[in-house]
Amino acid sequence: MSRYLTTKQIKDKNGKRKASTTIISPPDNSTDDIYIEVTSPERLDLLAKQFYADAGLWWLIASANGLGKGTLFTPENILLRIPPKAGIQDFIELSNRER
């Protein structure tokens, strides 16, 4: 699963192809969300590995909780929402189509 799979390709001023910026809005709340209390800093990539078996999905937890701007660490003493993995690729593709 990749958030860049359906991202539009653009060319820079030198003609080199690259992926357009991909901005994914936070996933909607679900009855399948898991909530965990974080009492000490945790790494988003390690949480993604634990809950999704894929450390590369750290951005999903970050997006759902408004985190990840410059760091992979969570603040202390917060409640984190862990969205379900099911349906995420469809959500990404829809987000990319709507841009």
Foldseek 3Di string as FASTA:
>chain_A
DDLQPQFDWDADPVRDIDGDDQDAAQDDDDPPKDKDWFAQKDFLLVVCCVQVVGSVCSVNQCRNPVHDPPGRIDHHGDITIHDDPPPVVVSSNVSNVVD
